[in-house]
Amino acid sequence: MMTITNAKSLKTGIRDICLKALQQKANDLQAELGQLRDGIANESKSSMGDKYETTREMMQQEINRVQSQLAGVAQQLFALNAINFERECTFAEKGALIESSQGCFLIAIAYGAVKSKGVNCFVISDVAPLAKLLLQKQAGDGLTFNGKALKIFNVY
């Protein structure tokens, strides 16, 4: 069991790990986008005919894919920054850290497993199936997810 102070520190630690990873992913995607745009510019200068059109179309599709990924990362960053992780929660909601019989969960964005301050925690979106079951629950409540009983020990 953790204390409220430890829980707040854990929540901000997990947020920082997610922010850093998402910002790095955004930087990597921006760099990839720049390379693809340079490639299209160079390809248009050096090729002719059908090969030019096919290559250019394939590169444009790749640019569209990277732009879509970049937009998704931007949405995750925006959603993560909109959550107040300093606030103490008494029931499961966005920004809540839930300590349970099945592990630790932070309701924020769809991110996955994170280890911070020696604690493994799953960062899940509020629209994830488990989060939908957890929402509005408090310490002492229980539920069943995928045939497994889950008991909520604490909500921070």
N, C-alpha and C. Protein backbone atom coordinates (compact mmCIF):
# COMPACT_ATOMS: atom_id res chain seq x y z
N MET A 1 0.83 -1.18 0.00
CA MET A 1 0.00 0.00 0.00
C MET A 1 0.88 1.25 0.00
N MET A 2 0.45 2.24 -0.72
CA MET A 2 1.22 3.48 -0.79
C MET A 2 0.50 4.59 -0.04
N THR A 3 1.22 5.66 0.22
CA THR A 3 0.63 6.82 0.89
C THR A 3 0.15 7.81 -0.16
N ILE A 4 -0.62 8.79 0.27
CA ILE A 4 -1.11 9.81 -0.65
C ILE A 4 0.07 10.57 -1.27
N THR A 5 1.07 10.89 -0.46
CA THR A 5 2.25 11.60 -0.97
C THR A 5 2.97 10.76 -2.02
N ASN A 6 3.15 9.47 -1.73
CA ASN A 6 3.79 8.58 -2.69
C ASN A 6 2.96 8.46 -3.97
N ALA A 7 1.63 8.41 -3.81
CA ALA A 7 0.74 8.28 -4.96
C ALA A 7 0.83 9.50 -5.86
N LYS A 8 0.84 10.69 -5.27
CA LYS A 8 0.95 11.92 -6.08
C LYS A 8 2.27 11.94 -6.82
N SER A 9 3.33 11.54 -6.14
CA SER A 9 4.66 11.49 -6.76
C SER A 9 4.68 10.45 -7.88
N LEU A 10 4.03 9.32 -7.65
CA LEU A 10 3.95 8.27 -8.67
C LEU A 10 3.17 8.75 -9.88
N LYS A 11 2.02 9.42 -9.63
CA LYS A 11 1.21 9.92 -10.75
C LYS A 11 1.99 10.90 -11.61
N THR A 12 2.67 11.84 -10.98
CA THR A 12 3.44 12.82 -11.77
C THR A 12 4.64 12.16 -12.44
N GLY A 13 5.22 11.16 -11.79
CA GLY A 13 6.34 10.43 -12.40
C GLY A 13 5.90 9.68 -13.65
N ILE A 14 4.74 9.03 -13.57
CA ILE A 14 4.20 8.30 -14.72
C ILE A 14 3.85 9.29 -15.83
N ARG A 15 3.22 10.42 -15.46
CA ARG A 15 2.90 11.45 -16.45
C ARG A 15 4.16 11.90 -17.17
N ASP A 16 5.23 12.16 -16.41
CA ASP A 16 6.48 12.63 -17.01
C ASP A 16 7.09 11.61 -17.96
N ILE A 17 7.01 10.32 -17.59
CA ILE A 17 7.53 9.26 -18.47
C ILE A 17 6.73 9.24 -19.78
N CYS A 18 5.41 9.31 -19.66
CA CYS A 18 4.55 9.30 -20.86
C CYS A 18 4.81 10.53 -21.72
N LEU A 19 4.90 11.71 -21.09
CA LEU A 19 5.16 12.94 -21.84
C LEU A 19 6.48 12.86 -22.60
N LYS A 20 7.52 12.42 -21.91
CA LYS A 20 8.83 12.33 -22.54
C LYS A 20 8.81 11.37 -23.73
N ALA A 21 8.19 10.21 -23.55
CA ALA A 21 8.12 9.23 -24.64
C ALA A 21 7.29 9.75 -25.81
N LEU A 22 6.16 10.40 -25.52
CA LEU A 22 5.33 10.94 -26.60
C LEU A 22 6.02 12.09 -27.33
N GLN A 23 6.72 12.94 -26.59
CA GLN A 23 7.45 14.03 -27.23
C GLN A 23 8.57 13.49 -28.12
N GLN A 24 9.24 12.43 -27.65
CA GLN A 24 10.29 11.81 -28.46
C GLN A 24 9.69 11.21 -29.73
N LYS A 25 8.54 10.55 -29.59
CA LYS A 25 7.88 9.96 -30.75
C LYS A 25 7.48 11.06 -31.74
N ALA A 26 6.97 12.18 -31.24
CA ALA A 26 6.60 13.30 -32.11
C ALA A 26 7.83 13.84 -32.83
N ASN A 27 8.94 13.98 -32.12
CA ASN A 27 10.19 14.45 -32.75
C ASN A 27 10.65 13.49 -33.84
N ASP A 28 10.59 12.18 -33.55
CA ASP A 28 11.00 11.18 -34.53
C ASP A 28 10.10 11.23 -35.76
N LEU A 29 8.81 11.38 -35.56
CA LEU A 29 7.88 11.45 -36.69
C LEU A 29 8.10 12.72 -37.50
N GLN A 30 8.39 13.84 -36.83
CA GLN A 30 8.69 15.09 -37.55
C GLN A 30 9.94 14.91 -38.42
N ALA A 31 10.95 14.26 -37.87
CA ALA A 31 12.19 14.02 -38.63
C ALA A 31 11.91 13.13 -39.83
N GLU A 32 11.11 12.07 -39.62
CA GLU A 32 10.77 11.17 -40.71
C GLU A 32 9.98 11.90 -41.80
N LEU A 33 9.08 12.77 -41.37
CA LEU A 33 8.29 13.56 -42.31
C LEU A 33 9.19 14.47 -43.14
N GLY A 34 10.16 15.09 -42.50
CA GLY A 34 11.12 15.94 -43.22
C GLY A 34 11.91 15.16 -44.26
N GLN A 35 12.34 13.96 -43.88
CA GLN A 35 13.09 13.11 -44.82
C GLN A 35 12.23 12.70 -46.00
N LEU A 36 10.97 12.37 -45.73
CA LEU A 36 10.07 11.98 -46.81
C LEU A 36 9.81 13.15 -47.76
N ARG A 37 9.63 14.32 -47.20
CA ARG A 37 9.40 15.50 -48.06
C ARG A 37 10.63 15.82 -48.89
N ASP A 38 11.80 15.68 -48.29
CA ASP A 38 13.05 15.88 -49.05
C ASP A 38 13.15 14.84 -50.16
N GLY A 39 12.77 13.61 -49.84
CA GLY A 39 12.81 12.53 -50.82
C GLY A 39 11.89 12.79 -51.99
N ILE A 40 10.71 13.31 -51.73
CA ILE A 40 9.77 13.64 -52.82
C ILE A 40 10.35 14.74 -53.69
N ALA A 41 10.94 15.74 -53.05
CA ALA A 41 11.52 16.85 -53.81
C ALA A 41 12.67 16.36 -54.69
N ASN A 42 13.51 15.52 -54.15
CA ASN A 42 14.65 14.97 -54.92
C ASN A 42 14.18 14.04 -56.02
N GLU A 43 13.15 13.24 -55.73
CA GLU A 43 12.63 12.30 -56.72
C GLU A 43 12.02 13.05 -57.90
N SER A 44 11.34 14.15 -57.63
CA SER A 44 10.71 14.89 -58.71
C SER A 44 11.73 15.56 -59.61
N LYS A 45 12.93 15.80 -59.07
CA LYS A 45 13.98 16.44 -59.87
C LYS A 45 14.72 15.44 -60.75
N SER A 46 14.69 14.14 -60.34
CA SER A 46 15.55 13.20 -61.03
C SER A 46 14.83 12.12 -61.83
N SER A 47 13.51 12.05 -61.77
CA SER A 47 12.82 10.95 -62.46
C SER A 47 11.81 11.48 -63.47
N MET A 48 11.46 10.59 -64.37
CA MET A 48 10.47 10.94 -65.40
C MET A 48 9.51 9.77 -65.60
N GLY A 49 8.36 10.05 -66.18
CA GLY A 49 7.44 9.02 -66.62
C GLY A 49 6.69 8.32 -65.51
N ASP A 50 6.28 7.06 -65.81
CA ASP A 50 5.45 6.27 -64.90
C ASP A 50 6.17 5.97 -63.58
N LYS A 51 7.47 5.70 -63.67
CA LYS A 51 8.23 5.41 -62.46
C LYS A 51 8.15 6.60 -61.50
N TYR A 52 8.23 7.78 -62.02
CA TYR A 52 8.15 9.00 -61.23
C TYR A 52 6.80 9.08 -60.52
N GLU A 53 5.72 8.84 -61.27
CA GLU A 53 4.37 8.94 -60.71
C GLU A 53 4.15 7.88 -59.63
N THR A 54 4.59 6.65 -59.88
CA THR A 54 4.41 5.57 -58.91
C THR A 54 5.20 5.85 -57.64
N THR A 55 6.45 6.22 -57.78
CA THR A 55 7.30 6.50 -56.62
C THR A 55 6.76 7.68 -55.83
N ARG A 56 6.36 8.71 -56.55
CA ARG A 56 5.83 9.90 -55.88
C ARG A 56 4.54 9.57 -55.11
N GLU A 57 3.68 8.75 -55.70
CA GLU A 57 2.43 8.36 -55.03
C GLU A 57 2.72 7.53 -53.78
N MET A 58 3.67 6.61 -53.87
CA MET A 58 4.03 5.78 -52.71
C MET A 58 4.61 6.66 -51.59
N MET A 59 5.42 7.62 -51.96
CA MET A 59 6.00 8.51 -50.96
C MET A 59 4.92 9.40 -50.34
N GLN A 60 3.96 9.83 -51.14
CA GLN A 60 2.87 10.65 -50.62
C GLN A 60 2.02 9.85 -49.65
N GLN A 61 1.78 8.58 -49.95
CA GLN A 61 1.03 7.72 -49.03
C GLN A 61 1.78 7.56 -47.71
N GLU A 62 3.08 7.44 -47.78
CA GLU A 62 3.91 7.32 -46.58
C GLU A 62 3.86 8.63 -45.77
N ILE A 63 3.89 9.76 -46.45
CA ILE A 63 3.76 11.06 -45.78
C ILE A 63 2.42 11.14 -45.06
N ASN A 64 1.35 10.72 -45.74
CA ASN A 64 0.02 10.75 -45.13
C ASN A 64 -0.04 9.86 -43.89
N ARG A 65 0.61 8.68 -43.95
CA ARG A 65 0.63 7.76 -42.81
C ARG A 65 1.36 8.39 -41.63
N VAL A 66 2.51 9.01 -41.89
CA VAL A 66 3.29 9.64 -40.82
C VAL A 66 2.53 10.84 -40.24
N GLN A 67 1.88 11.61 -41.10
CA GLN A 67 1.09 12.75 -40.62
C GLN A 67 -0.05 12.29 -39.72
N SER A 68 -0.67 11.17 -40.07
CA SER A 68 -1.75 10.62 -39.27
C SER A 68 -1.22 10.17 -37.90
N GLN A 69 -0.07 9.52 -37.88
CA GLN A 69 0.55 9.10 -36.62
C GLN A 69 0.90 10.32 -35.77
N LEU A 70 1.43 11.34 -36.41
CA LEU A 70 1.81 12.57 -35.71
C LEU A 70 0.58 13.24 -35.10
N ALA A 71 -0.53 13.25 -35.82
CA ALA A 71 -1.77 13.82 -35.29
C ALA A 71 -2.25 13.03 -34.07
N GLY A 72 -2.12 11.70 -34.11
CA GLY A 72 -2.50 10.86 -32.97
C GLY A 72 -1.65 11.14 -31.75
N VAL A 73 -0.35 11.32 -31.96
CA VAL A 73 0.55 11.64 -30.85
C VAL A 73 0.21 13.01 -30.28
N ALA A 74 -0.08 13.96 -31.15
CA ALA A 74 -0.45 15.31 -30.70
C ALA A 74 -1.72 15.27 -29.85
N GLN A 75 -2.69 14.44 -30.26
CA GLN A 75 -3.93 14.30 -29.48
C GLN A 75 -3.63 13.69 -28.11
N GLN A 76 -2.75 12.70 -28.06
CA GLN A 76 -2.40 12.08 -26.78
C GLN A 76 -1.69 13.09 -25.87
N LEU A 77 -0.78 13.87 -26.44
CA LEU A 77 -0.08 14.89 -25.65
C LEU A 77 -1.07 15.92 -25.10
N PHE A 78 -2.00 16.35 -25.94
CA PHE A 78 -3.00 17.32 -25.51
C PHE A 78 -3.84 16.74 -24.38
N ALA A 79 -4.31 15.51 -24.55
CA ALA A 79 -5.15 14.87 -23.53
C ALA A 79 -4.39 14.69 -22.22
N LEU A 80 -3.13 14.29 -22.31
CA LEU A 80 -2.32 14.08 -21.10
C LEU A 80 -2.08 15.40 -20.38
N ASN A 81 -1.80 16.45 -21.12
CA ASN A 81 -1.55 17.76 -20.51
C ASN A 81 -2.82 18.38 -19.91
N ALA A 82 -3.98 17.92 -20.34
CA ALA A 82 -5.24 18.47 -19.83
C ALA A 82 -5.65 17.87 -18.48
N ILE A 83 -4.96 16.81 -18.06
CA ILE A 83 -5.32 16.13 -16.81
C ILE A 83 -4.53 16.72 -15.64
N ASN A 84 -5.22 16.97 -14.53
CA ASN A 84 -4.58 17.47 -13.32
C ASN A 84 -4.16 16.28 -12.46
N PHE A 85 -2.88 15.94 -12.52
CA PHE A 85 -2.37 14.80 -11.77
C PHE A 85 -2.04 15.14 -10.32
N GLU A 86 -2.10 16.41 -9.96
CA GLU A 86 -1.81 16.84 -8.59
C GLU A 86 -3.03 16.64 -7.69
N ARG A 87 -4.19 16.56 -8.29
CA ARG A 87 -5.44 16.45 -7.55
C ARG A 87 -5.61 15.05 -6.97
N GLU A 88 -6.06 15.00 -5.74
CA GLU A 88 -6.35 13.71 -5.11
C GLU A 88 -7.75 13.28 -5.51
N CYS A 89 -7.89 12.07 -5.96
CA CYS A 89 -9.18 11.54 -6.38
C CYS A 89 -9.72 10.60 -5.30
N THR A 90 -11.00 10.65 -5.07
CA THR A 90 -11.63 9.74 -4.10
C THR A 90 -12.37 8.61 -4.80
N PHE A 91 -12.59 8.76 -6.11
CA PHE A 91 -13.20 7.70 -6.90
C PHE A 91 -12.47 7.65 -8.25
N ALA A 92 -12.64 6.55 -8.96
CA ALA A 92 -11.95 6.35 -10.23
C ALA A 92 -12.48 7.32 -11.28
N GLU A 93 -11.58 8.11 -11.81
CA GLU A 93 -11.89 9.10 -12.85
C GLU A 93 -10.60 9.40 -13.59
N LYS A 94 -10.67 10.26 -14.60
CA LYS A 94 -9.46 10.66 -15.32
C LYS A 94 -8.48 11.28 -14.34
N GLY A 95 -7.25 10.81 -14.37
CA GLY A 95 -6.23 11.32 -13.47
C GLY A 95 -6.10 10.52 -12.18
N ALA A 96 -6.98 9.53 -11.99
CA ALA A 96 -6.94 8.73 -10.77
C ALA A 96 -5.95 7.58 -10.90
N LEU A 97 -5.26 7.33 -9.82
CA LEU A 97 -4.37 6.18 -9.69
C LEU A 97 -5.12 5.16 -8.84
N ILE A 98 -5.32 3.97 -9.41
CA ILE A 98 -6.08 2.94 -8.71
C ILE A 98 -5.14 1.81 -8.33
N GLU A 99 -5.11 1.51 -7.03
CA GLU A 99 -4.33 0.40 -6.52
C GLU A 99 -5.33 -0.75 -6.31
N SER A 100 -5.08 -1.87 -6.99
CA SER A 100 -6.06 -2.96 -6.96
C SER A 100 -5.39 -4.32 -6.80
N SER A 101 -6.22 -5.34 -6.65
CA SER A 101 -5.73 -6.71 -6.55
C SER A 101 -5.10 -7.18 -7.86
N GLN A 102 -5.40 -6.52 -8.96
CA GLN A 102 -4.84 -6.89 -10.26
C GLN A 102 -3.73 -5.94 -10.72
N GLY A 103 -3.28 -5.08 -9.83
CA GLY A 103 -2.20 -4.16 -10.17
C GLY A 103 -2.61 -2.71 -10.02
N CYS A 104 -1.73 -1.87 -10.52
CA CYS A 104 -1.90 -0.42 -10.43
C CYS A 104 -2.33 0.12 -11.79
N PHE A 105 -3.33 0.99 -11.79
CA PHE A 105 -3.84 1.58 -13.03
C PHE A 105 -3.93 3.09 -12.88
N LEU A 106 -3.51 3.80 -13.92
CA LEU A 106 -3.68 5.24 -13.98
C LEU A 106 -4.60 5.54 -15.15
N ILE A 107 -5.73 6.16 -14.88
CA ILE A 107 -6.67 6.49 -15.95
C ILE A 107 -6.26 7.82 -16.54
N ALA A 108 -5.78 7.77 -17.78
CA ALA A 108 -5.30 8.98 -18.45
C ALA A 108 -5.46 8.84 -19.97
N ILE A 109 -4.48 8.22 -20.60
CA ILE A 109 -4.49 8.00 -22.06
C ILE A 109 -4.16 6.54 -22.33
N ALA A 110 -4.40 6.08 -23.53
CA ALA A 110 -4.03 4.72 -23.91
C ALA A 110 -2.51 4.69 -24.12
N TYR A 111 -1.79 4.17 -23.16
CA TYR A 111 -0.32 4.15 -23.26
C TYR A 111 0.25 2.77 -23.01
N GLY A 112 -0.20 2.11 -21.95
CA GLY A 112 0.32 0.79 -21.64
C GLY A 112 1.10 0.76 -20.34
N ALA A 113 1.97 -0.23 -20.23
CA ALA A 113 2.72 -0.46 -19.00
C ALA A 113 3.84 0.56 -18.83
N VAL A 114 3.98 1.06 -17.61
CA VAL A 114 5.02 2.04 -17.26
C VAL A 114 5.55 1.64 -15.89
N LYS A 115 6.85 1.80 -15.69
CA LYS A 115 7.44 1.57 -14.37
C LYS A 115 8.01 2.89 -13.89
N SER A 116 7.54 3.34 -12.74
CA SER A 116 8.01 4.59 -12.15
C SER A 116 8.18 4.38 -10.66
N LYS A 117 9.29 4.82 -10.15
CA LYS A 117 9.58 4.73 -8.71
C LYS A 117 9.44 3.30 -8.20
N GLY A 118 9.82 2.34 -9.06
CA GLY A 118 9.78 0.93 -8.69
C GLY A 118 8.41 0.29 -8.74
N VAL A 119 7.42 1.02 -9.22
CA VAL A 119 6.05 0.51 -9.28
C VAL A 119 5.64 0.32 -10.74
N ASN A 120 5.15 -0.88 -11.06
CA ASN A 120 4.60 -1.13 -12.39
C ASN A 120 3.16 -0.66 -12.40
N CYS A 121 2.80 0.06 -13.45
CA CYS A 121 1.45 0.61 -13.55
C CYS A 121 1.01 0.59 -15.01
N PHE A 122 -0.26 0.37 -15.22
CA PHE A 122 -0.82 0.42 -16.56
C PHE A 122 -1.53 1.75 -16.75
N VAL A 123 -1.14 2.47 -17.78
CA VAL A 123 -1.77 3.75 -18.10
C VAL A 123 -2.84 3.43 -19.15
N ILE A 124 -4.10 3.67 -18.76
CA ILE A 124 -5.22 3.31 -19.64
C ILE A 124 -6.10 4.53 -19.90
N SER A 125 -6.73 4.51 -21.04
CA SER A 125 -7.67 5.57 -21.43
C SER A 125 -8.98 5.40 -20.67
N ASP A 126 -9.68 6.49 -20.49
CA ASP A 126 -10.98 6.41 -19.81
C ASP A 126 -12.04 5.71 -20.66
N VAL A 127 -11.74 5.43 -21.92
CA VAL A 127 -12.69 4.71 -22.77
C VAL A 127 -12.31 3.24 -22.94
N ALA A 128 -11.22 2.81 -22.30
CA ALA A 128 -10.83 1.40 -22.32
C ALA A 128 -11.88 0.60 -21.57
N PRO A 129 -12.12 -0.64 -21.98
CA PRO A 129 -13.14 -1.46 -21.30
C PRO A 129 -12.95 -1.55 -19.78
N LEU A 130 -11.72 -1.74 -19.32
CA LEU A 130 -11.48 -1.81 -17.88
C LEU A 130 -11.78 -0.47 -17.21
N ALA A 131 -11.35 0.61 -17.83
CA ALA A 131 -11.59 1.93 -17.25
C ALA A 131 -13.08 2.22 -17.14
N LYS A 132 -13.85 1.81 -18.14
CA LYS A 132 -15.30 2.03 -18.09
C LYS A 132 -15.91 1.33 -16.88
N LEU A 133 -15.37 0.16 -16.54
CA LEU A 133 -15.87 -0.56 -15.36
C LEU A 133 -15.39 0.10 -14.07
N LEU A 134 -14.18 0.66 -14.10
CA LEU A 134 -13.60 1.29 -12.91
C LEU A 134 -14.22 2.65 -12.59
N LEU A 135 -14.61 3.40 -13.62
CA LEU A 135 -15.10 4.76 -13.42
C LEU A 135 -16.18 4.83 -12.35
N GLN A 136 -16.03 5.81 -11.47
CA GLN A 136 -16.94 6.08 -10.37
C GLN A 136 -16.85 5.08 -9.22
N LYS A 137 -15.95 4.10 -9.32
CA LYS A 137 -15.76 3.16 -8.21
C LYS A 137 -14.79 3.81 -7.21
N GLN A 138 -14.82 3.30 -5.97
CA GLN A 138 -13.93 3.84 -4.94
C GLN A 138 -13.30 2.69 -4.15
N ALA A 139 -12.42 3.05 -3.23
CA ALA A 139 -11.74 2.05 -2.41
C ALA A 139 -12.76 1.14 -1.74
N GLY A 140 -12.49 -0.16 -1.80
CA GLY A 140 -13.39 -1.14 -1.20
C GLY A 140 -14.33 -1.77 -2.20
N ASP A 141 -14.53 -1.12 -3.35
CA ASP A 141 -15.42 -1.67 -4.38
C ASP A 141 -14.73 -2.82 -5.11
N GLY A 142 -15.52 -3.65 -5.72
CA GLY A 142 -14.99 -4.74 -6.53
C GLY A 142 -15.74 -4.83 -7.83
N LEU A 143 -15.14 -5.54 -8.77
CA LEU A 143 -15.77 -5.76 -10.07
C LEU A 143 -15.16 -7.00 -10.70
N THR A 144 -15.74 -7.44 -11.79
CA THR A 144 -15.21 -8.58 -12.54
C THR A 144 -14.87 -8.10 -13.93
N PHE A 145 -13.64 -8.42 -14.35
CA PHE A 145 -13.19 -8.04 -15.70
C PHE A 145 -12.54 -9.26 -16.34
N ASN A 146 -13.04 -9.64 -17.51
CA ASN A 146 -12.55 -10.82 -18.23
C ASN A 146 -12.55 -12.07 -17.33
N GLY A 147 -13.60 -12.20 -16.54
CA GLY A 147 -13.75 -13.37 -15.70
C GLY A 147 -12.89 -13.36 -14.44
N LYS A 148 -12.17 -12.27 -14.20
CA LYS A 148 -11.31 -12.17 -13.01
C LYS A 148 -11.86 -11.11 -12.07
N ALA A 149 -11.88 -11.46 -10.79
CA ALA A 149 -12.32 -10.50 -9.78
C ALA A 149 -11.23 -9.46 -9.55
N LEU A 150 -11.64 -8.23 -9.42
CA LEU A 150 -10.72 -7.13 -9.15
C LEU A 150 -11.25 -6.35 -7.96
N LYS A 151 -10.43 -6.22 -6.94
CA LYS A 151 -10.80 -5.48 -5.73
C LYS A 151 -10.00 -4.19 -5.72
N ILE A 152 -10.68 -3.07 -5.50
CA ILE A 152 -10.00 -1.76 -5.43
C ILE A 152 -9.57 -1.53 -3.99
N PHE A 153 -8.26 -1.40 -3.79
CA PHE A 153 -7.72 -1.13 -2.46
C PHE A 153 -7.74 0.36 -2.15
N ASN A 154 -7.23 1.17 -3.08
CA ASN A 154 -7.16 2.61 -2.89
C ASN A 154 -7.32 3.34 -4.20
N VAL A 155 -7.83 4.56 -4.12
CA VAL A 155 -7.92 5.45 -5.27
C VAL A 155 -7.25 6.76 -4.84
N TYR A 156 -6.30 7.22 -5.64
CA TYR A 156 -5.56 8.45 -5.33
C TYR A 156 -5.77 9.48 -6.41
